[in-house]
Amino acid sequence: SALALDDQVISLNSFSKYFNMTGWRLGWMVVPEALVPAIERLAQNLYICPSTVAQQAALACFEPESLRVFEARRAEFQVRRDTFIPALQAIGLSVPVMPDGAFYAWADCTQACARLGVKDSWDFAFEVMRRAHVAITPGRDFGQADTARFVRFSTASSMQTLQTSVERLRQLLA
């Protein structure tokens, strides 16, 4: 548990992200014992009880066979990341922080914008979709602080799709 590392940790997680149960709206918290009564009072007034089906599905996630499936899936996502990120960097899209825990990559498109003659990530994402038929998300969708120079890529697609996308980007930026 996270509390084994520090007795002041508050950790929130969801089955949606952690176990690929998108839309189930089920999660958990790890909190110091002293906070449990206050959090219980708050939760009783904010959340409706999840369905029995959702609770049973969540419990099944911790079965050994399920954990093996999730570990295999995690390993596959790591292979995609470890292949895709260097490929992006090779075509001039720097990734300042290696993703670790999600299947998204935050890439600096400053050089690529200059190559295409566009002003920011919004225009870059538009041109990439229009000319290379690759969907990426402009950084400004995720805030305001220095996001005009970043785009977000997803590595959730198949390895073939990722390779095709990089090749299309390479041709566009050549």
N, C-alpha and C. Protein backbone atom coordinates (compact mmCIF):
# COMPACT_ATOMS: atom_id res chain seq x y z
N SER A 1 0.83 -1.19 0.00
CA SER A 1 0.00 0.00 0.00
C SER A 1 0.87 1.25 0.00
N ALA A 2 0.33 2.32 -0.52
CA ALA A 2 1.05 3.59 -0.55
C ALA A 2 1.38 4.08 0.85
N LEU A 3 0.56 3.72 1.82
CA LEU A 3 0.81 4.16 3.20
C LEU A 3 2.05 3.52 3.79
N ALA A 4 2.53 2.44 3.20
CA ALA A 4 3.77 1.82 3.66
C ALA A 4 4.96 2.73 3.36
N LEU A 5 4.84 3.58 2.36
CA LEU A 5 5.91 4.50 1.99
C LEU A 5 5.91 5.77 2.84
N ASP A 6 4.71 6.24 3.16
CA ASP A 6 4.57 7.48 3.93
C ASP A 6 3.18 7.48 4.55
N ASP A 7 3.09 7.69 5.85
CA ASP A 7 1.79 7.61 6.51
C ASP A 7 0.90 8.84 6.27
N GLN A 8 1.35 9.76 5.43
CA GLN A 8 0.55 10.94 5.09
C GLN A 8 0.07 10.93 3.64
N VAL A 9 0.25 9.81 2.96
CA VAL A 9 -0.14 9.70 1.55
C VAL A 9 -1.65 9.62 1.41
N ILE A 10 -2.16 10.30 0.41
CA ILE A 10 -3.55 10.14 -0.01
C ILE A 10 -3.49 9.72 -1.47
N SER A 11 -4.01 8.55 -1.76
CA SER A 11 -3.96 8.00 -3.12
C SER A 11 -5.37 7.70 -3.60
N LEU A 12 -5.71 8.20 -4.78
CA LEU A 12 -7.01 7.92 -5.39
C LEU A 12 -6.75 7.21 -6.71
N ASN A 13 -7.56 6.23 -7.01
CA ASN A 13 -7.41 5.53 -8.27
C ASN A 13 -8.77 5.04 -8.73
N SER A 14 -8.84 4.63 -9.99
CA SER A 14 -10.11 4.15 -10.52
C SER A 14 -9.90 2.85 -11.27
N PHE A 15 -10.93 2.04 -11.26
CA PHE A 15 -10.91 0.81 -12.04
C PHE A 15 -10.94 1.15 -13.53
N SER A 16 -11.55 2.29 -13.87
CA SER A 16 -11.62 2.71 -15.27
C SER A 16 -10.24 2.76 -15.90
N LYS A 17 -9.31 3.43 -15.26
CA LYS A 17 -7.97 3.58 -15.82
C LYS A 17 -7.08 2.39 -15.48
N TYR A 18 -7.11 1.96 -14.25
CA TYR A 18 -6.17 0.95 -13.78
C TYR A 18 -6.45 -0.43 -14.36
N PHE A 19 -7.75 -0.77 -14.49
CA PHE A 19 -8.13 -2.10 -14.95
C PHE A 19 -8.95 -2.07 -16.25
N ASN A 20 -8.90 -0.98 -16.98
CA ASN A 20 -9.59 -0.88 -18.27
C ASN A 20 -11.10 -1.10 -18.16
N MET A 21 -11.70 -0.56 -17.13
CA MET A 21 -13.15 -0.68 -16.94
C MET A 21 -13.79 0.68 -17.23
N THR A 22 -13.53 1.20 -18.41
CA THR A 22 -14.00 2.53 -18.80
C THR A 22 -15.51 2.66 -18.61
N GLY A 23 -15.90 3.74 -17.96
CA GLY A 23 -17.32 4.03 -17.78
C GLY A 23 -17.96 3.40 -16.56
N TRP A 24 -17.26 2.56 -15.84
CA TRP A 24 -17.85 1.87 -14.69
C TRP A 24 -17.95 2.79 -13.48
N ARG A 25 -17.21 3.88 -13.45
CA ARG A 25 -17.27 4.87 -12.37
C ARG A 25 -17.11 4.23 -10.99
N LEU A 26 -16.03 3.50 -10.86
CA LEU A 26 -15.75 2.81 -9.61
C LEU A 26 -14.28 3.01 -9.29
N GLY A 27 -13.98 3.34 -8.04
CA GLY A 27 -12.60 3.59 -7.67
C GLY A 27 -12.35 3.31 -6.21
N TRP A 28 -11.17 3.72 -5.75
CA TRP A 28 -10.81 3.51 -4.35
C TRP A 28 -9.86 4.60 -3.89
N MET A 29 -9.75 4.68 -2.57
CA MET A 29 -8.84 5.64 -1.95
C MET A 29 -8.00 4.92 -0.91
N VAL A 30 -6.77 5.34 -0.78
CA VAL A 30 -5.91 4.91 0.31
C VAL A 30 -5.58 6.18 1.08
N VAL A 31 -5.98 6.21 2.35
CA VAL A 31 -5.78 7.42 3.16
C VAL A 31 -5.30 7.04 4.56
N PRO A 32 -4.67 7.97 5.25
CA PRO A 32 -4.30 7.72 6.64
C PRO A 32 -5.56 7.44 7.47
N GLU A 33 -5.45 6.55 8.42
CA GLU A 33 -6.58 6.14 9.26
C GLU A 33 -7.31 7.33 9.88
N ALA A 34 -6.59 8.35 10.27
CA ALA A 34 -7.20 9.51 10.92
C ALA A 34 -8.18 10.25 9.99
N LEU A 35 -8.02 10.12 8.69
CA LEU A 35 -8.90 10.81 7.74
C LEU A 35 -10.15 10.02 7.37
N VAL A 36 -10.19 8.74 7.70
CA VAL A 36 -11.30 7.88 7.27
C VAL A 36 -12.66 8.41 7.71
N PRO A 37 -12.88 8.78 8.97
CA PRO A 37 -14.22 9.26 9.36
C PRO A 37 -14.69 10.48 8.55
N ALA A 38 -13.83 11.44 8.35
CA ALA A 38 -14.22 12.63 7.59
C ALA A 38 -14.52 12.29 6.14
N ILE A 39 -13.72 11.43 5.55
CA ILE A 39 -13.93 11.04 4.15
C ILE A 39 -15.21 10.22 4.02
N GLU A 40 -15.49 9.36 4.98
CA GLU A 40 -16.74 8.59 4.94
C GLU A 40 -17.95 9.52 4.98
N ARG A 41 -17.92 10.54 5.84
CA ARG A 41 -19.03 11.49 5.91
C ARG A 41 -19.22 12.22 4.58
N LEU A 42 -18.13 12.63 4.00
CA LEU A 42 -18.18 13.31 2.71
C LEU A 42 -18.71 12.38 1.62
N ALA A 43 -18.17 11.18 1.56
CA ALA A 43 -18.54 10.23 0.51
C ALA A 43 -20.01 9.84 0.60
N GLN A 44 -20.54 9.71 1.81
CA GLN A 44 -21.95 9.33 1.97
C GLN A 44 -22.88 10.36 1.34
N ASN A 45 -22.44 11.58 1.23
CA ASN A 45 -23.28 12.63 0.67
C ASN A 45 -22.99 12.93 -0.79
N LEU A 46 -21.95 12.34 -1.33
CA LEU A 46 -21.58 12.62 -2.71
C LEU A 46 -21.81 11.46 -3.67
N TYR A 47 -21.70 10.26 -3.20
CA TYR A 47 -21.71 9.11 -4.10
C TYR A 47 -22.92 8.22 -3.87
N ILE A 48 -23.41 7.69 -4.95
CA ILE A 48 -24.46 6.68 -4.89
C ILE A 48 -23.75 5.34 -4.94
N CYS A 49 -24.29 4.37 -4.26
CA CYS A 49 -23.67 3.05 -4.19
C CYS A 49 -23.53 2.44 -5.58
N PRO A 50 -22.35 1.93 -5.90
CA PRO A 50 -22.18 1.27 -7.20
C PRO A 50 -23.00 -0.02 -7.26
N SER A 51 -23.35 -0.41 -8.46
CA SER A 51 -24.16 -1.62 -8.64
C SER A 51 -23.40 -2.86 -8.19
N THR A 52 -24.15 -3.89 -7.88
CA THR A 52 -23.55 -5.17 -7.49
C THR A 52 -22.68 -5.71 -8.62
N VAL A 53 -23.14 -5.57 -9.85
CA VAL A 53 -22.37 -6.06 -11.00
C VAL A 53 -21.01 -5.36 -11.06
N ALA A 54 -20.98 -4.05 -10.88
CA ALA A 54 -19.72 -3.31 -10.92
C ALA A 54 -18.80 -3.75 -9.78
N GLN A 55 -19.36 -3.96 -8.60
CA GLN A 55 -18.55 -4.39 -7.47
C GLN A 55 -17.97 -5.78 -7.70
N GLN A 56 -18.77 -6.69 -8.25
CA GLN A 56 -18.28 -8.04 -8.53
C GLN A 56 -17.19 -8.02 -9.61
N ALA A 57 -17.41 -7.19 -10.63
CA ALA A 57 -16.40 -7.07 -11.70
C ALA A 57 -15.10 -6.51 -11.13
N ALA A 58 -15.21 -5.53 -10.23
CA ALA A 58 -14.01 -4.95 -9.62
C ALA A 58 -13.26 -6.00 -8.79
N LEU A 59 -13.98 -6.79 -8.04
CA LEU A 59 -13.33 -7.85 -7.25
C LEU A 59 -12.61 -8.84 -8.15
N ALA A 60 -13.21 -9.15 -9.30
CA ALA A 60 -12.58 -10.10 -10.23
C ALA A 60 -11.25 -9.59 -10.76
N CYS A 61 -11.06 -8.29 -10.75
CA CYS A 61 -9.79 -7.71 -11.22
C CYS A 61 -8.60 -8.18 -10.40
N PHE A 62 -8.84 -8.56 -9.16
CA PHE A 62 -7.74 -8.96 -8.27
C PHE A 62 -7.48 -10.46 -8.28
N GLU A 63 -8.21 -11.21 -9.09
CA GLU A 63 -7.96 -12.65 -9.22
C GLU A 63 -6.64 -12.85 -9.96
N PRO A 64 -5.90 -13.92 -9.65
CA PRO A 64 -4.59 -14.14 -10.29
C PRO A 64 -4.64 -14.13 -11.82
N GLU A 65 -5.65 -14.74 -12.41
CA GLU A 65 -5.74 -14.77 -13.87
C GLU A 65 -5.93 -13.35 -14.43
N SER A 66 -6.78 -12.58 -13.78
CA SER A 66 -6.99 -11.19 -14.21
C SER A 66 -5.70 -10.39 -14.10
N LEU A 67 -4.99 -10.56 -13.01
CA LEU A 67 -3.74 -9.84 -12.82
C LEU A 67 -2.71 -10.20 -13.88
N ARG A 68 -2.71 -11.47 -14.31
CA ARG A 68 -1.80 -11.88 -15.40
C ARG A 68 -2.17 -11.17 -16.71
N VAL A 69 -3.46 -11.08 -16.99
CA VAL A 69 -3.93 -10.39 -18.19
C VAL A 69 -3.53 -8.92 -18.13
N PHE A 70 -3.74 -8.29 -16.99
CA PHE A 70 -3.39 -6.87 -16.86
C PHE A 70 -1.89 -6.65 -16.98
N GLU A 71 -1.10 -7.55 -16.44
CA GLU A 71 0.36 -7.41 -16.55
C GLU A 71 0.80 -7.56 -18.01
N ALA A 72 0.20 -8.50 -18.74
CA ALA A 72 0.52 -8.66 -20.16
C ALA A 72 0.14 -7.39 -20.93
N ARG A 73 -0.99 -6.81 -20.59
CA ARG A 73 -1.43 -5.58 -21.25
C ARG A 73 -0.47 -4.43 -20.93
N ARG A 74 -0.05 -4.33 -19.67
CA ARG A 74 0.89 -3.29 -19.27
C ARG A 74 2.20 -3.43 -20.03
N ALA A 75 2.67 -4.68 -20.16
CA ALA A 75 3.92 -4.93 -20.89
C ALA A 75 3.78 -4.53 -22.36
N GLU A 76 2.63 -4.80 -22.96
CA GLU A 76 2.40 -4.41 -24.36
C GLU A 76 2.42 -2.89 -24.51
N PHE A 77 1.79 -2.19 -23.59
CA PHE A 77 1.82 -0.73 -23.65
C PHE A 77 3.24 -0.20 -23.48
N GLN A 78 4.05 -0.86 -22.68
CA GLN A 78 5.44 -0.43 -22.51
C GLN A 78 6.22 -0.61 -23.81
N VAL A 79 5.98 -1.73 -24.51
CA VAL A 79 6.65 -1.96 -25.80
C VAL A 79 6.24 -0.87 -26.79
N ARG A 80 4.96 -0.54 -26.82
CA ARG A 80 4.49 0.52 -27.73
C ARG A 80 5.18 1.84 -27.40
N ARG A 81 5.21 2.18 -26.10
CA ARG A 81 5.85 3.42 -25.68
C ARG A 81 7.33 3.42 -26.05
N ASP A 82 8.01 2.32 -25.76
CA ASP A 82 9.46 2.25 -25.99
C ASP A 82 9.81 2.24 -27.47
N THR A 83 8.86 1.95 -28.32
CA THR A 83 9.06 2.01 -29.77
C THR A 83 8.64 3.37 -30.33
N PHE A 84 7.49 3.85 -29.88
CA PHE A 84 6.89 5.07 -30.44
C PHE A 84 7.63 6.34 -30.05
N ILE A 85 8.03 6.47 -28.80
CA ILE A 85 8.68 7.71 -28.34
C ILE A 85 9.98 7.97 -29.10
N PRO A 86 10.89 6.99 -29.20
CA PRO A 86 12.11 7.25 -29.99
C PRO A 86 11.81 7.58 -31.45
N ALA A 87 10.75 6.97 -32.00
CA ALA A 87 10.38 7.27 -33.39
C ALA A 87 9.92 8.72 -33.53
N LEU A 88 9.15 9.21 -32.56
CA LEU A 88 8.75 10.62 -32.57
C LEU A 88 9.97 11.53 -32.48
N GLN A 89 10.88 11.19 -31.58
CA GLN A 89 12.06 12.02 -31.38
C GLN A 89 12.94 12.04 -32.64
N ALA A 90 12.97 10.93 -33.36
CA ALA A 90 13.78 10.85 -34.57
C ALA A 90 13.27 11.77 -35.68
N ILE A 91 12.00 12.14 -35.63
CA ILE A 91 11.46 13.04 -36.66
C ILE A 91 11.29 14.47 -36.14
N GLY A 92 11.89 14.77 -34.99
CA GLY A 92 11.91 16.14 -34.50
C GLY A 92 10.83 16.53 -33.51
N LEU A 93 10.12 15.56 -32.98
CA LEU A 93 9.11 15.84 -31.96
C LEU A 93 9.67 15.38 -30.62
N SER A 94 10.24 16.30 -29.87
CA SER A 94 10.88 15.91 -28.61
C SER A 94 9.84 15.59 -27.55
N VAL A 95 10.16 14.62 -26.73
CA VAL A 95 9.29 14.21 -25.62
C VAL A 95 10.09 14.46 -24.35
N PRO A 96 9.84 15.59 -23.68
CA PRO A 96 10.68 15.98 -22.55
C PRO A 96 10.57 15.06 -21.34
N VAL A 97 9.44 14.39 -21.19
CA VAL A 97 9.26 13.48 -20.06
C VAL A 97 8.73 12.16 -20.61
N MET A 98 9.46 11.08 -20.34
CA MET A 98 9.02 9.76 -20.79
C MET A 98 7.75 9.38 -20.03
N PRO A 99 6.67 9.04 -20.74
CA PRO A 99 5.44 8.63 -20.06
C PRO A 99 5.70 7.41 -19.17
N ASP A 100 5.15 7.44 -17.99
CA ASP A 100 5.34 6.33 -17.05
C ASP A 100 4.06 6.17 -16.25
N GLY A 101 3.15 5.38 -16.77
CA GLY A 101 1.91 5.16 -16.06
C GLY A 101 0.67 5.51 -16.87
N ALA A 102 0.86 6.02 -18.07
CA ALA A 102 -0.27 6.32 -18.95
C ALA A 102 0.16 6.03 -20.38
N PHE A 103 -0.80 5.98 -21.28
CA PHE A 103 -0.46 5.70 -22.68
C PHE A 103 -0.51 6.96 -23.53
N TYR A 104 -0.20 8.09 -22.91
CA TYR A 104 -0.13 9.35 -23.64
C TYR A 104 1.30 9.88 -23.63
N ALA A 105 1.67 10.53 -24.72
CA ALA A 105 2.98 11.18 -24.81
C ALA A 105 2.76 12.66 -25.09
N TRP A 106 3.45 13.50 -24.36
CA TRP A 106 3.37 14.96 -24.48
C TRP A 106 4.61 15.38 -25.25
N ALA A 107 4.42 15.82 -26.49
CA ALA A 107 5.56 16.11 -27.37
C ALA A 107 5.63 17.60 -27.72
N ASP A 108 6.85 18.11 -27.73
CA ASP A 108 7.10 19.50 -28.11
C ASP A 108 7.14 19.56 -29.64
N CYS A 109 6.25 20.34 -30.22
CA CYS A 109 6.14 20.42 -31.68
C CYS A 109 6.72 21.72 -32.24
N THR A 110 7.55 22.41 -31.47
CA THR A 110 8.10 23.70 -31.90
C THR A 110 8.81 23.59 -33.25
N GLN A 111 9.74 22.64 -33.37
CA GLN A 111 10.49 22.48 -34.62
C GLN A 111 9.56 22.07 -35.76
N ALA A 112 8.62 21.19 -35.47
CA ALA A 112 7.69 20.73 -36.50
C ALA A 112 6.79 21.87 -36.97
N CYS A 113 6.38 22.74 -36.06
CA CYS A 113 5.57 23.90 -36.45
C CYS A 113 6.35 24.78 -37.42
N ALA A 114 7.63 24.99 -37.12
CA ALA A 114 8.47 25.81 -38.00
C ALA A 114 8.59 25.17 -39.38
N ARG A 115 8.75 23.86 -39.42
CA ARG A 115 8.86 23.16 -40.72
C ARG A 115 7.60 23.33 -41.56
N LEU A 116 6.44 23.29 -40.90
CA LEU A 116 5.18 23.40 -41.63
C LEU A 116 4.71 24.84 -41.79
N GLY A 117 5.39 25.77 -41.14
CA GLY A 117 5.00 27.17 -41.23
C GLY A 117 3.71 27.48 -40.49
N VAL A 118 3.48 26.80 -39.38
CA VAL A 118 2.29 27.07 -38.56
C VAL A 118 2.72 27.66 -37.23
N LYS A 119 1.79 28.34 -36.56
CA LYS A 119 2.19 29.11 -35.37
C LYS A 119 2.16 28.34 -34.06
N ASP A 120 1.32 27.31 -33.93
CA ASP A 120 1.21 26.65 -32.62
C ASP A 120 0.68 25.23 -32.76
N SER A 121 0.51 24.56 -31.61
CA SER A 121 0.08 23.16 -31.61
C SER A 121 -1.32 22.98 -32.19
N TRP A 122 -2.17 23.98 -32.04
CA TRP A 122 -3.52 23.90 -32.61
C TRP A 122 -3.43 23.79 -34.13
N ASP A 123 -2.69 24.69 -34.74
CA ASP A 123 -2.54 24.67 -36.20
C ASP A 123 -1.77 23.44 -36.65
N PHE A 124 -0.79 23.03 -35.86
CA PHE A 124 -0.02 21.84 -36.19
C PHE A 124 -0.92 20.60 -36.21
N ALA A 125 -1.73 20.44 -35.16
CA ALA A 125 -2.64 19.28 -35.10
C ALA A 125 -3.61 19.29 -36.28
N PHE A 126 -4.08 20.47 -36.65
CA PHE A 126 -4.99 20.59 -37.79
C PHE A 126 -4.30 20.15 -39.08
N GLU A 127 -3.09 20.64 -39.30
CA GLU A 127 -2.36 20.29 -40.52
C GLU A 127 -1.99 18.81 -40.55
N VAL A 128 -1.64 18.25 -39.42
CA VAL A 128 -1.31 16.82 -39.35
C VAL A 128 -2.54 15.99 -39.73
N MET A 129 -3.71 16.38 -39.23
CA MET A 129 -4.93 15.66 -39.58
C MET A 129 -5.26 15.84 -41.06
N ARG A 130 -5.18 17.06 -41.53
CA ARG A 130 -5.55 17.37 -42.92
C ARG A 130 -4.61 16.72 -43.92
N ARG A 131 -3.32 16.78 -43.66
CA ARG A 131 -2.35 16.35 -44.66
C ARG A 131 -1.81 14.94 -44.44
N ALA A 132 -1.73 14.48 -43.20
CA ALA A 132 -1.16 13.15 -42.93
C ALA A 132 -2.21 12.16 -42.43
N HIS A 133 -3.40 12.66 -42.14
CA HIS A 133 -4.50 11.81 -41.65
C HIS A 133 -4.14 11.09 -40.35
N VAL A 134 -3.48 11.83 -39.47
CA VAL A 134 -3.12 11.33 -38.14
C VAL A 134 -3.77 12.28 -37.13
N ALA A 135 -4.52 11.70 -36.20
CA ALA A 135 -5.20 12.51 -35.18
C ALA A 135 -4.32 12.66 -33.94
N ILE A 136 -4.03 13.91 -33.60
CA ILE A 136 -3.31 14.24 -32.36
C ILE A 136 -4.07 15.38 -31.69
N THR A 137 -3.79 15.60 -30.43
CA THR A 137 -4.52 16.60 -29.68
C THR A 137 -3.62 17.78 -29.34
N PRO A 138 -4.05 19.00 -29.67
CA PRO A 138 -3.23 20.17 -29.34
C PRO A 138 -3.15 20.38 -27.83
N GLY A 139 -2.01 20.89 -27.40
CA GLY A 139 -1.78 21.08 -25.98
C GLY A 139 -2.76 22.01 -25.29
N ARG A 140 -3.28 22.98 -26.00
CA ARG A 140 -4.17 23.95 -25.34
C ARG A 140 -5.44 23.30 -24.82
N ASP A 141 -5.75 22.09 -25.25
CA ASP A 141 -6.89 21.37 -24.69
C ASP A 141 -6.64 20.95 -23.25
N PHE A 142 -5.40 21.11 -22.78
CA PHE A 142 -5.03 20.63 -21.45
C PHE A 142 -4.55 21.74 -20.52
N GLY A 143 -4.85 22.97 -20.85
CA GLY A 143 -4.47 24.07 -19.97
C GLY A 143 -3.93 25.24 -20.76
N GLN A 144 -3.35 26.19 -20.02
CA GLN A 144 -2.87 27.40 -20.66
C GLN A 144 -1.37 27.60 -20.53
N ALA A 145 -0.75 27.02 -19.55
CA ALA A 145 0.67 27.27 -19.28
C ALA A 145 1.57 26.56 -20.29
N ASP A 146 2.07 27.32 -21.25
CA ASP A 146 3.06 26.83 -22.22
C ASP A 146 2.55 25.65 -23.06
N THR A 147 1.24 25.59 -23.28
CA THR A 147 0.68 24.45 -24.01
C THR A 147 0.63 24.65 -25.52
N ALA A 148 0.89 25.86 -26.00
CA ALA A 148 0.82 26.13 -27.44
C ALA A 148 1.91 25.39 -28.21
N ARG A 149 2.94 24.92 -27.52
CA ARG A 149 4.02 24.23 -28.23
C ARG A 149 3.98 22.71 -28.05
N PHE A 150 2.94 22.20 -27.40
CA PHE A 150 2.86 20.76 -27.16
C PHE A 150 1.64 20.14 -27.81
N VAL A 151 1.80 18.88 -28.19
CA VAL A 151 0.68 18.05 -28.65
C VAL A 151 0.71 16.75 -27.86
N ARG A 152 -0.45 16.11 -27.79
CA ARG A 152 -0.53 14.84 -27.08
C ARG A 152 -0.79 13.71 -28.07
N PHE A 153 0.01 12.68 -27.96
CA PHE A 153 -0.16 11.46 -28.74
C PHE A 153 -0.66 10.35 -27.82
N SER A 154 -1.41 9.43 -28.36
CA SER A 154 -1.84 8.24 -27.62
C SER A 154 -1.13 7.03 -28.20
N THR A 155 -0.65 6.17 -27.31
CA THR A 155 -0.04 4.91 -27.75
C THR A 155 -0.99 3.74 -27.52
N ALA A 156 -2.28 4.03 -27.39
CA ALA A 156 -3.26 2.97 -27.16
C ALA A 156 -3.61 2.20 -28.43
N SER A 157 -3.25 2.73 -29.58
CA SER A 157 -3.53 2.03 -30.85
C SER A 157 -2.58 0.85 -31.02
N SER A 158 -2.86 0.05 -32.03
CA SER A 158 -2.00 -1.10 -32.32
C SER A 158 -0.61 -0.63 -32.76
N MET A 159 0.35 -1.53 -32.65
CA MET A 159 1.71 -1.20 -33.07
C MET A 159 1.73 -0.84 -34.56
N GLN A 160 0.95 -1.53 -35.37
CA GLN A 160 0.88 -1.23 -36.80
C GLN A 160 0.37 0.20 -37.04
N THR A 161 -0.67 0.58 -36.32
CA THR A 161 -1.21 1.94 -36.47
C THR A 161 -0.19 2.98 -36.03
N LEU A 162 0.51 2.71 -34.93
CA LEU A 162 1.54 3.65 -34.46
C LEU A 162 2.66 3.80 -35.49
N GLN A 163 3.09 2.68 -36.06
CA GLN A 163 4.16 2.73 -37.06
C GLN A 163 3.71 3.49 -38.31
N THR A 164 2.49 3.24 -38.74
CA THR A 164 1.94 3.95 -39.89
C THR A 164 1.85 5.45 -39.61
N SER A 165 1.42 5.79 -38.41
CA SER A 165 1.30 7.21 -38.03
C SER A 165 2.65 7.91 -38.05
N VAL A 166 3.67 7.26 -37.49
CA VAL A 166 5.01 7.86 -37.49
C VAL A 166 5.53 8.02 -38.91
N GLU A 167 5.28 7.04 -39.76
CA GLU A 167 5.73 7.14 -41.15
C GLU A 167 5.04 8.31 -41.86
N ARG A 168 3.75 8.47 -41.63
CA ARG A 168 3.03 9.60 -42.24
C ARG A 168 3.56 10.93 -41.72
N LEU A 169 3.84 11.00 -40.43
CA LEU A 169 4.41 12.22 -39.85
C LEU A 169 5.80 12.49 -40.42
N ARG A 170 6.59 11.44 -40.56
CA ARG A 170 7.94 11.59 -41.11
C ARG A 170 7.87 12.18 -42.51
N GLN A 171 6.98 11.64 -43.33
CA GLN A 171 6.83 12.15 -44.70
C GLN A 171 6.35 13.60 -44.70
N LEU A 172 5.43 13.93 -43.82
CA LEU A 172 4.91 15.29 -43.75
C LEU A 172 6.00 16.28 -43.34
N LEU A 173 6.84 15.88 -42.41
CA LEU A 173 7.85 16.79 -41.86
C LEU A 173 9.17 16.77 -42.62
N ALA A 174 9.28 15.90 -43.63
CA ALA A 174 10.53 15.79 -44.39
C ALA A 174 10.81 17.05 -45.20
